[in-house]
Amino acid sequence: MQWWSDTPASKRRLLFIHGVWLAAILALSLKLVAVMACLRLGRGMESNLHGERWRIDMEHFRTQMVADGRGVIRFRDGTPWLPANCPVGKRGVALAPELVGRVGKPDVWPNPQLAVPEEGRGGLEQALDAVLRSRRPAMVGHLDMADGRPNPLSGYAGGYGLLPRRGADVVTTLDARMQMQAEKILRDRGLRHASIVEVDLHHRDALVVASAAHGVQSDALTAIAPGSVFKLVVAAAALDTHVARAKETFSCDGVAHLPHVAMHCWRVHGVVSLVDAIAQSCDVTFAELGVRLGHTAIEKAASRFGLLTTGLEALSGSQGIVPEAAHGIVFRRRGDDPGLLANTAIGQEDVRMTPLAGALLAATVASGGEYRPARLVLGWRAGQRWVSMAPPPAKRACDRYAAGVIGQAMWQAVHDPHGTLYALHTFAIAAKSGTAELGSGRVNAWIVGYRMTGGHPSSAFAITVHDEPSAKAHRDVLAIAKAWLASPASVMMNA
């Protein structure tokens, strides 16, 4: 103390200041050592809600996935479209499970390509899995002490959180209200297999793809025998190749007078023009046109109308947007056998096409002969970025004049008392009926056509009933057509 009292005042002040600095440095050093010790024990975390990773003692760290981060498939109005195996209680609409598909475990796990153990299995979930797939799920974690009790210092609010890197949300072309109405109409008829399809003419957006059956494959995307609906393709081929003229007349006495052809028409039509033959569905006329055209001309015409495809726009390359959708077919064997050609020309023999292709056939006629496949996906949103799927380009399927003649005949089929669809004359539509005989008195019944709004075509449709007794199939297909054409949802859409 004597030394301190003998020290000059200025020196004492300097020594005091240095002492304070040394004490502060020592205190900070001790605190840093304590923090590092806590980090080593597992208390620290190198992440928050927006972080990238946890650096922690994993022996006592418990994690749980709270959201898989998978994107959502939506209807065109934004309503979530629930997968076929979606848990009960999830918000959204459960329609057309055969189209949307389901989400399930991969065949091989762990899979380095997947951040979570799930992938799309069937339908849109499978075709768009790379877009919908999560890059990282949402996680929460809790740090336990060595004795198993929760660590009171374990992060904020007792745990740690990690936000997901979500997959993109996909927006489809389907209208939820119209799809719901169509499925209700089919359900009320109690049919095993039937379909309603509605396609917008402008972009060929598929607004409705409804099926009575909800198994693996949609009835609307199943290739079945079309019957007389195929006569529209044969008529277009005959007019384009000048094998027949619009004003040419044909004579029908109920029997086809062709070599090696044993065919009876469903009634005697007398002398008819090509337009009358389409409107009244004369088998004798089209048997003759099929023999005139030959194998190659018929098949090429069917290809131009898209009947040999699924009818859906491809996602990339040859990958279909719905893997289960069937392709159409015209011939299974080669040759120009008159019997084969005659039966093919009336939509029998080997001819198969989907109801969606039937709606597109009517849409092509309504659009002056321009064919486009149907678009089922508008695009997807990844964060703030919107990726649009452009409408498919148009291709010439038949001459505009041929489309005009066929359109006139389809209008006559509905609004002329001799037409096959005069029962629907109260609706502003042009349409063609079809009956494909399957044997044992069972048939496929078809109606394809397009609506007229303000004097112009607005949308195309196809309505089918599959593999039912003849009388029941025709009764049901007309009842479904009347219910659908008068339904508030479809009328509002066209208005």
Foldseek 3Di string as FASTA:
>chain_A
DVVLVPDDPVVNVVVVVVVVVVVVVVVVVVVVVVVVVCQVQFLDFPQAQAGDDTDGDVVQKDKDFPFQQFAFEAEQVRFTADAPPHDPPDGGDDFLNLAQAHKDADPDPPDPVAQDRIFGDFHLRHLCRVQRGWPHTKMKMFGADPVRHTDPSRDPPRIGIYHTQHGWYFYWHEDVVLQVLLQVLLVVLVAQWKWKWKFWLPLRATHYTYIPDRDNHGLQQWWDQFFQLLLLLLLQLCPQVVVDDQADKDAFPQAAPDPPAGDGWPHGDGIDGPLQCQQLVTLNVQLVSLLSQFDPSSVLLCVLLQQQQSLEDAPPDNHRSGNRGDGWDQDPDDDSDSHSSSQSSRREDRTIGGQSSSQQSQSCLQVLQKGFRHYTTQFIDRPPDTDGDGRGDIDGSGGSVSSVSNQSSQLCLCQPPSGPNVVNVVFQKGWGWGWYDDDPQWTKIKIKTFHADPNGTTMIMMIIRPTDHPVSRVVSSSSSVVCSRPPPVVVVVRD
